[in-house]
Amino acid sequence: MAALTFDLQHTDSSSKARAGKIITDHGDIFTPIFMPVGTVGSVKAVTQEQLKADVQAQIILGNTYHLYLRPGLEVLEAAGGLHQFNSWDRPILTDSGGYQVFSLAANRKLTEEGALFQSHIDGSKHLFTPERVMDIQRIIGGDIIMAFDECPPYPSDYTYARKSMELTHRWLTRCIDRFSSTPDKYGYTQNLFPIVQGSTYKDLRTASAEFVAAQGATGNAIGGLSVGEPTEMMYEFTGHCCDILPVQKPRYLMGVGTPWNILECIALGVDMFDCVMPTRNGRNAMLFTSSGVINIDNKKWEKDFSPLDEGIDCALSHYYNKAYLRHLIKAKEILGLQLASIHNLAFYLWLVRQARAHIMAGTFTGWKNEMVPRLMTRL
């Protein structure tokens, strides 16, 4: 089986937006792409069949921290990995768990060796080292596995940000050594992506992006953004990292974001995105549509029998009306959470397909500039 490859098919003439194809052993991914987040092996309230048919997802995420704690490595290994366990036969990316260790785990302790933390489930103690995290992700079975890093909070002072970045780089070297010395687990190729850190300091971001680029990985990620910094700052550092990371490798911006964030960051040269926003916000009555943002809780939708969004190519979004979804959400019916989640994910995937089509046609920038204010409109 072959390592991941990236076919860069077209670059927009008036921005840095790119259209490409990532080739993995579980199928091709056409970029730019949004990846639904399936933290514990499940995209909340959405079945794998719906992810394929309604959402048109090409790749989903799993999370190392959560899957390691539950169901645990013994179950996942006995199943033959996450693809077999959750019946998803397309690519999977596994996040290393670094962000969760630093945000969810109680009483965590960071050392050169790794991160000692307590489970949020039962309080048991665990140690994640770069080597252990590589082994865990091998067992989970992601097609793309992420390096173990520290994600510094915003704001971070310069000294902390520099020390954190240097630790992330030392951990990356250990991740690469362990990854390179262990075999693929289930008969298909697994690929390691390093992560650029450096908080909101340009010299640190430069140093980190250059260090990551020099590793020669099959793809690279930008971490530590969309953690509370101003939006313009996120765009500034995303663009700066993209200018340094290799052109012929996919670039993944972790944890971003709103539909307008995604379009702006595509214009900066990002290929891959993930975020819990479409499902989490959907469960809290916020719909993203091709005309703007809807709070379906509002009384104004009580007798609005128009489709959720006729502007996108999702049959579900054409079939169900706003008044009905509002009723389901108000009545706390599980179906309401499911429909809102599927619609939002379908919208996100529609949006990146549209972006790709406009990049290929040479009309991306004009379309993006028209779409961004529309998508941000509160209806």
Protein backbone atom coordinates (compact mmCIF):
# COMPACT_ATOMS: atom_id res chain seq x y z
CA MET A 1 0.00 0.00 0.00
CA ALA A 2 1.19 3.54 -0.77
CA ALA A 3 1.80 6.53 1.46
CA LEU A 4 -0.58 9.47 1.15
CA THR A 5 0.02 11.62 -1.91
CA PHE A 6 -1.32 15.04 -2.87
CA ASP A 7 -2.15 16.02 -6.42
CA LEU A 8 -2.31 19.83 -6.61
CA GLN A 9 -4.75 20.38 -9.46
CA HIS A 10 -5.29 24.14 -9.62
CA THR A 11 -4.29 27.34 -7.82
CA ASP A 12 -6.48 30.44 -7.96
CA SER A 13 -4.87 33.33 -9.85
CA SER A 14 -6.13 36.09 -7.54
CA SER A 15 -5.63 34.36 -4.16
CA LYS A 16 -3.70 31.43 -2.70
CA ALA A 17 -6.71 29.09 -2.84
CA ARG A 18 -5.93 25.60 -4.12
CA ALA A 19 -7.89 22.63 -5.42
CA GLY A 20 -6.31 19.23 -5.07
CA LYS A 21 -6.75 15.52 -4.44
CA ILE A 22 -5.39 13.64 -1.43
CA ILE A 23 -4.95 9.96 -2.25
CA THR A 24 -5.15 7.47 0.64
CA ASP A 25 -5.62 3.73 0.88
CA HIS A 26 -9.22 4.29 2.01
CA GLY A 27 -10.08 6.55 -0.91
CA ASP A 28 -9.50 9.96 -2.43
CA ILE A 29 -10.27 13.29 -0.73
CA PHE A 30 -10.99 16.27 -2.96
CA THR A 31 -9.78 19.53 -1.46
CA PRO A 32 -10.54 21.98 -0.04
CA ILE A 33 -12.35 19.67 2.37
CA PHE A 34 -14.22 19.90 5.65
CA MET A 35 -13.94 16.90 7.98
CA PRO A 36 -16.84 16.15 10.36
CA VAL A 37 -15.66 15.54 13.91
CA GLY A 38 -16.46 12.08 15.26
CA THR A 39 -14.72 12.47 18.61
CA VAL A 40 -15.60 9.10 20.16
CA GLY A 41 -15.97 7.23 16.87
CA SER A 42 -19.32 8.84 16.11
CA VAL A 43 -20.32 12.17 14.59
CA LYS A 44 -22.93 13.17 17.17
CA ALA A 45 -26.53 12.35 16.14
CA VAL A 46 -25.50 11.33 12.60
CA THR A 47 -25.17 7.78 11.26
CA GLN A 48 -22.39 6.71 8.95
CA GLU A 49 -24.96 6.14 6.19
CA GLN A 50 -26.20 9.72 6.60
CA LEU A 51 -22.62 11.00 6.53
CA LYS A 52 -22.24 9.41 3.12
CA ALA A 53 -25.66 10.00 1.58
CA ASP A 54 -26.77 13.36 3.01
CA VAL A 55 -23.55 15.04 4.16
CA GLN A 56 -21.31 13.63 1.39
CA ALA A 57 -18.41 13.40 3.85
CA GLN A 58 -15.14 12.13 2.40
CA ILE A 59 -13.18 11.84 5.68
CA ILE A 60 -14.07 12.01 9.37
CA LEU A 61 -12.11 12.55 12.59
CA GLY A 62 -11.62 10.43 15.67
CA ASN A 63 -9.92 11.56 18.87
CA THR A 64 -7.08 9.70 20.56
CA TYR A 65 -7.78 10.91 24.09
CA HIS A 66 -11.45 9.94 24.04
CA LEU A 67 -11.09 6.64 22.16
CA TYR A 68 -8.16 5.58 24.35
CA LEU A 69 -10.29 6.07 27.47
CA ARG A 70 -13.47 4.58 25.97
CA PRO A 71 -13.96 2.01 24.46
CA GLY A 72 -10.21 1.49 24.97
CA LEU A 73 -7.42 0.04 22.88
CA GLU A 74 -8.24 -3.60 23.64
CA VAL A 75 -11.68 -3.28 22.07
CA LEU A 76 -10.45 -1.26 19.08
CA GLU A 77 -7.60 -3.65 18.35
CA ALA A 78 -9.89 -6.68 18.65
CA ALA A 79 -12.27 -5.01 16.18
CA GLY A 80 -9.45 -4.49 13.67
CA GLY A 81 -9.27 -0.71 14.19
CA LEU A 82 -11.76 2.14 14.10
CA HIS A 83 -12.77 1.60 10.44
CA GLN A 84 -14.02 -1.88 11.29
CA PHE A 85 -15.41 -0.86 14.67
CA ASN A 86 -17.62 1.97 13.40
CA SER A 87 -18.19 0.67 9.83
CA TRP A 88 -16.63 3.70 8.11
CA ASP A 89 -14.75 2.60 4.99
CA ARG A 90 -13.47 6.03 3.95
CA PRO A 91 -10.42 7.86 5.38
CA ILE A 92 -10.14 8.72 9.07
CA LEU A 93 -7.89 11.32 10.70
CA THR A 94 -7.07 10.91 14.38
CA ASP A 95 -6.24 13.95 16.51
CA SER A 96 -3.40 13.17 18.93
CA GLY A 97 -5.35 14.11 22.05
CA GLY A 98 -2.95 16.88 23.01
CA TYR A 99 -5.64 19.54 22.98
CA GLN A 100 -7.99 17.40 25.12
CA VAL A 101 -5.27 16.56 27.65
CA PHE A 102 -4.60 20.26 28.11
CA SER A 103 -8.24 21.38 28.14
CA LEU A 104 -10.31 18.53 29.59
CA ALA A 105 -8.09 16.49 31.88
CA ALA A 106 -7.94 17.40 35.55
CA ASN A 107 -4.65 17.88 37.37
CA ARG A 108 -2.52 17.44 34.28
CA LYS A 109 1.22 17.68 34.67
CA LEU A 110 3.47 18.50 31.75
CA THR A 111 7.06 17.25 31.69
CA GLU A 112 9.72 16.61 29.07
CA GLU A 113 8.60 12.98 29.05
CA GLY A 114 4.98 13.73 28.27
CA ALA A 115 1.67 14.67 29.85
CA LEU A 116 0.37 12.98 33.00
CA PHE A 117 -3.38 13.44 33.36
CA GLN A 118 -6.50 12.21 35.07
CA SER A 119 -9.37 10.76 33.06
CA HIS A 120 -12.46 12.98 32.97
CA ILE A 121 -14.49 9.75 33.14
CA ASP A 122 -13.24 8.03 36.29
CA GLY A 123 -10.25 10.03 37.57
CA SER A 124 -7.73 7.32 36.70
CA LYS A 125 -4.20 8.49 35.92
CA HIS A 126 -2.55 8.11 32.51
CA LEU A 127 0.68 9.20 30.83
CA PHE A 128 0.75 10.29 27.20
CA THR A 129 4.24 10.41 25.74
CA PRO A 130 4.98 11.09 22.07
CA GLU A 131 5.87 7.40 21.64
CA ARG A 132 2.74 6.19 23.42
CA VAL A 133 0.52 8.49 21.38
CA MET A 134 2.01 7.10 18.13
CA ASP A 135 1.34 3.54 19.34
CA ILE A 136 -2.21 4.43 20.39
CA GLN A 137 -3.01 6.04 17.03
CA ARG A 138 -1.56 3.04 15.19
CA ILE A 139 -4.02 0.85 17.13
CA ILE A 140 -6.97 3.20 16.58
CA GLY A 141 -6.09 2.94 12.89
CA GLY A 142 -6.27 6.43 11.42
CA ASP A 143 -5.16 6.96 7.84
CA ILE A 144 -3.74 10.30 9.02
CA ILE A 145 -2.39 10.50 12.55
CA MET A 146 -1.32 13.71 14.27
CA ALA A 147 1.87 14.44 16.16
CA PHE A 148 1.60 14.94 19.92
CA ASP A 149 1.95 18.64 20.66
CA GLU A 150 1.19 21.19 23.32
CA CYS A 151 -1.45 23.72 22.34
CA PRO A 152 -0.69 26.90 24.30
CA PRO A 153 -3.67 29.00 25.41
CA TYR A 154 -4.42 32.48 24.15
CA PRO A 155 -3.03 34.76 25.33
CA SER A 156 0.38 33.28 26.13
CA ASP A 157 3.39 35.36 27.03
CA TYR A 158 6.36 35.11 24.70
CA THR A 159 8.54 33.02 27.03
CA TYR A 160 5.82 30.43 27.59
CA ALA A 161 4.95 30.30 23.88
CA ARG A 162 8.60 29.77 22.92
CA LYS A 163 9.18 27.03 25.50
CA SER A 164 5.93 25.35 24.48
CA MET A 165 6.91 25.45 20.79
CA GLU A 166 10.36 24.05 21.55
CA LEU A 167 8.81 21.22 23.57
CA THR A 168 6.39 20.51 20.69
CA HIS A 169 9.39 20.30 18.32
CA ARG A 170 11.27 17.89 20.60
CA TRP A 171 8.12 15.81 20.93
CA LEU A 172 7.70 15.87 17.14
CA THR A 173 11.19 14.41 16.69
CA ARG A 174 10.26 11.60 19.09
CA CYS A 175 6.93 11.07 17.29
CA ILE A 176 8.73 10.74 13.96
CA ASP A 177 11.32 8.33 15.40
CA ARG A 178 8.61 6.11 16.89
CA PHE A 179 6.36 6.33 13.85
CA SER A 180 9.24 5.48 11.50
CA SER A 181 10.28 2.45 13.56
CA THR A 182 6.81 0.87 13.80
CA PRO A 183 4.79 -0.83 11.05
CA ASP A 184 1.37 0.09 9.71
CA LYS A 185 -1.19 -1.80 11.75
CA TYR A 186 -4.03 -3.12 9.61
CA GLY A 187 -2.68 -3.56 6.08
CA TYR A 188 -3.04 0.04 4.89
CA THR A 189 -0.69 3.00 5.10
CA GLN A 190 -0.84 5.37 8.05
CA ASN A 191 0.55 8.89 7.63
CA LEU A 192 1.94 11.27 10.26
CA PHE A 193 1.21 15.01 10.08
CA PRO A 194 3.31 17.38 12.24
CA ILE A 195 1.72 20.50 13.76
CA VAL A 196 2.97 24.09 13.61
CA GLN A 197 2.72 25.98 16.91
CA GLY A 198 4.12 29.32 18.14
CA SER A 199 1.03 31.12 19.48
CA THR A 200 0.60 34.65 18.08
CA TYR A 201 4.28 35.53 17.65
CA LYS A 202 5.47 35.84 14.07
CA ASP A 203 9.06 34.78 14.71
CA LEU A 204 7.89 31.68 16.58
CA ARG A 205 5.39 30.78 13.88
CA THR A 206 8.14 31.22 11.28
CA ALA A 207 10.53 28.98 13.21
CA SER A 208 7.88 26.33 13.80
CA ALA A 209 6.62 26.27 10.21
CA GLU A 210 10.21 25.99 8.95
CA PHE A 211 10.97 23.16 11.42
CA VAL A 212 7.79 21.31 10.43
CA ALA A 213 8.40 21.82 6.70
CA ALA A 214 11.91 20.38 7.06
CA GLN A 215 10.56 17.06 8.37
CA GLY A 216 9.33 16.06 4.91
CA ALA A 217 6.00 14.66 6.16
CA THR A 218 3.22 13.71 3.73
CA GLY A 219 1.11 16.62 5.04
CA ASN A 220 1.29 19.39 7.63
CA ALA A 221 -1.05 20.99 10.14
CA ILE A 222 -1.39 24.44 11.70
CA GLY A 223 -2.45 24.27 15.35
CA GLY A 224 -2.96 26.70 18.19
CA LEU A 225 -5.27 29.07 16.30
CA SER A 226 -9.00 29.67 16.79
CA VAL A 227 -8.37 29.44 20.54
CA GLY A 228 -9.65 32.91 21.42
CA GLU A 229 -7.41 35.24 19.44
CA PRO A 230 -9.00 37.96 17.25
CA THR A 231 -10.15 36.71 13.86
CA GLU A 232 -7.81 38.97 11.93
CA MET A 233 -4.89 37.56 13.92
CA MET A 234 -5.98 34.02 13.06
CA TYR A 235 -6.00 34.95 9.37
CA GLU A 236 -2.61 36.66 9.64
CA PHE A 237 -0.86 33.65 11.15
CA THR A 238 -2.68 31.13 8.98
CA GLY A 239 -1.51 32.94 5.87
CA HIS A 240 2.01 33.29 7.25
CA CYS A 241 2.27 29.54 7.96
CA CYS A 242 0.83 28.64 4.54
CA ASP A 243 3.50 30.81 2.89
CA ILE A 244 6.21 28.68 4.54
CA LEU A 245 4.71 25.16 4.43
CA PRO A 246 5.42 23.11 1.28
CA VAL A 247 3.23 23.81 -1.74
CA GLN A 248 3.04 20.15 -2.77
CA LYS A 249 1.74 18.89 0.61
CA PRO A 250 -1.77 19.29 2.03
CA ARG A 251 -2.21 21.93 4.74
CA TYR A 252 -4.64 21.30 7.59
CA LEU A 253 -5.89 24.15 9.80
CA MET A 254 -7.04 22.52 13.02
CA GLY A 255 -10.34 23.42 14.68
CA VAL A 256 -11.53 26.13 12.24
CA GLY A 257 -14.28 27.27 12.12
CA THR A 258 -17.29 29.25 10.89
CA PRO A 259 -18.27 29.04 7.21
CA TRP A 260 -16.79 32.51 6.59
CA ASN A 261 -13.58 31.56 8.45
CA ILE A 262 -13.26 28.57 6.16
CA LEU A 263 -13.66 30.58 2.96
CA GLU A 264 -11.14 33.20 4.10
CA CYS A 265 -8.62 30.52 5.08
CA ILE A 266 -9.10 28.65 1.79
CA ALA A 267 -8.08 31.94 0.16
CA LEU A 268 -4.91 31.85 2.29
CA GLY A 269 -3.92 28.39 1.06
CA VAL A 270 -5.50 25.92 3.52
CA ASP A 271 -6.75 22.57 2.17
CA MET A 272 -8.29 20.77 5.18
CA PHE A 273 -10.57 21.90 8.01
CA ASP A 274 -12.40 20.41 10.98
CA CYS A 275 -14.64 21.90 13.65
CA VAL A 276 -17.40 20.77 16.03
CA MET A 277 -19.36 23.92 15.20
CA PRO A 278 -21.83 22.50 12.63
CA THR A 279 -23.00 19.72 14.97
CA ARG A 280 -22.66 21.54 18.29
CA ASN A 281 -24.38 24.69 17.04
CA GLY A 282 -27.01 22.60 15.28
CA ARG A 283 -27.88 20.90 18.56
CA ASN A 284 -28.29 24.40 20.01
CA ALA A 285 -30.75 25.57 17.32
CA MET A 286 -28.30 27.43 15.06
CA LEU A 287 -28.52 26.63 11.36
CA PHE A 288 -25.93 27.68 8.81
CA THR A 289 -27.51 28.23 5.39
CA SER A 290 -26.54 29.56 1.98
CA SER A 291 -28.48 32.75 2.83
CA GLY A 292 -27.12 33.30 6.34
CA VAL A 293 -27.42 32.14 9.95
CA ILE A 294 -30.76 31.10 11.44
CA ASN A 295 -31.66 30.73 15.11
CA ILE A 296 -34.44 28.22 14.57
CA ASP A 297 -35.66 28.81 18.16
CA ASN A 298 -36.95 32.25 17.20
CA LYS A 299 -40.71 32.70 16.95
CA LYS A 300 -40.38 34.18 13.45
CA TRP A 301 -39.92 30.62 12.09
CA GLU A 302 -43.03 29.21 13.84
CA LYS A 303 -45.17 29.32 10.67
CA ASP A 304 -42.37 29.35 8.08
CA PHE A 305 -42.98 26.24 6.00
CA SER A 306 -40.17 26.90 3.52
CA PRO A 307 -37.36 24.33 3.24
CA LEU A 308 -34.35 24.55 5.55
CA ASP A 309 -32.14 25.54 2.60
CA GLU A 310 -33.06 25.17 -1.06
CA GLY A 311 -29.68 26.59 -2.04
CA ILE A 312 -27.66 23.46 -1.29
CA ASP A 313 -27.68 19.99 -2.82
CA CYS A 314 -28.94 18.08 0.24
CA ALA A 315 -32.30 16.33 -0.14
CA LEU A 316 -32.94 16.53 3.61
CA SER A 317 -32.52 20.31 3.58
CA HIS A 318 -35.12 20.54 0.80
CA TYR A 319 -37.52 18.04 2.38
CA TYR A 320 -37.94 19.43 5.91
CA ASN A 321 -39.32 22.89 6.67
CA LYS A 322 -38.23 25.46 9.20
CA ALA A 323 -41.45 25.41 11.22
CA TYR A 324 -41.22 21.64 11.69
CA LEU A 325 -37.58 21.75 12.78
CA ARG A 326 -38.39 24.59 15.19
CA HIS A 327 -41.19 22.47 16.65
CA LEU A 328 -38.84 19.49 17.11
CA ILE A 329 -36.19 21.61 18.80
CA LYS A 330 -38.76 23.26 21.08
CA ALA A 331 -40.21 19.86 21.98
CA LYS A 332 -36.69 18.53 22.66
CA GLU A 333 -37.23 15.74 20.16
CA ILE A 334 -34.06 13.83 19.28
CA LEU A 335 -34.99 14.03 15.60
CA GLY A 336 -34.59 17.80 15.78
CA LEU A 337 -30.97 17.48 16.90
CA GLN A 338 -30.35 14.96 14.14
CA LEU A 339 -31.88 17.04 11.34
CA ALA A 340 -30.08 20.22 12.43
CA SER A 341 -26.75 18.38 12.63
CA ILE A 342 -27.13 16.72 9.24
CA HIS A 343 -28.22 19.96 7.60
CA ASN A 344 -25.29 21.95 9.01
CA LEU A 345 -22.75 19.31 8.02
CA ALA A 346 -24.28 19.03 4.54
CA PHE A 347 -24.05 22.81 4.24
CA TYR A 348 -20.37 22.82 5.22
CA LEU A 349 -19.55 20.10 2.69
CA TRP A 350 -21.58 21.88 0.02
CA LEU A 351 -19.65 25.07 0.76
CA VAL A 352 -16.21 23.51 0.27
CA ARG A 353 -17.41 21.78 -2.92
CA GLN A 354 -18.55 25.15 -4.21
CA ALA A 355 -15.21 26.68 -3.26
CA ARG A 356 -13.41 23.90 -5.14
CA ALA A 357 -15.58 24.38 -8.23
CA HIS A 358 -14.89 28.13 -8.24
CA ILE A 359 -11.15 27.58 -7.78
CA MET A 360 -11.14 25.20 -10.74
CA ALA A 361 -13.16 27.70 -12.81
CA GLY A 362 -10.97 30.67 -11.89
CA THR A 363 -13.84 32.54 -10.22
CA PHE A 364 -13.07 31.88 -6.55
CA THR A 365 -12.19 35.35 -5.24
CA GLY A 366 -15.25 37.14 -6.62
CA TRP A 367 -17.52 34.35 -5.38
CA LYS A 368 -15.86 34.31 -1.94
CA ASN A 369 -16.17 38.07 -1.55
CA GLU A 370 -19.87 37.83 -2.38
CA MET A 371 -20.49 34.81 -0.13
CA VAL A 372 -18.75 35.90 3.08
CA PRO A 373 -21.10 38.79 3.99
CA ARG A 374 -24.11 36.72 2.97
CA LEU A 375 -23.08 33.78 5.15
CA MET A 376 -22.53 36.10 8.13
CA THR A 377 -26.04 37.61 7.83
CA ARG A 378 -28.32 36.88 10.77
CA LEU A 379 -31.71 35.97 9.31
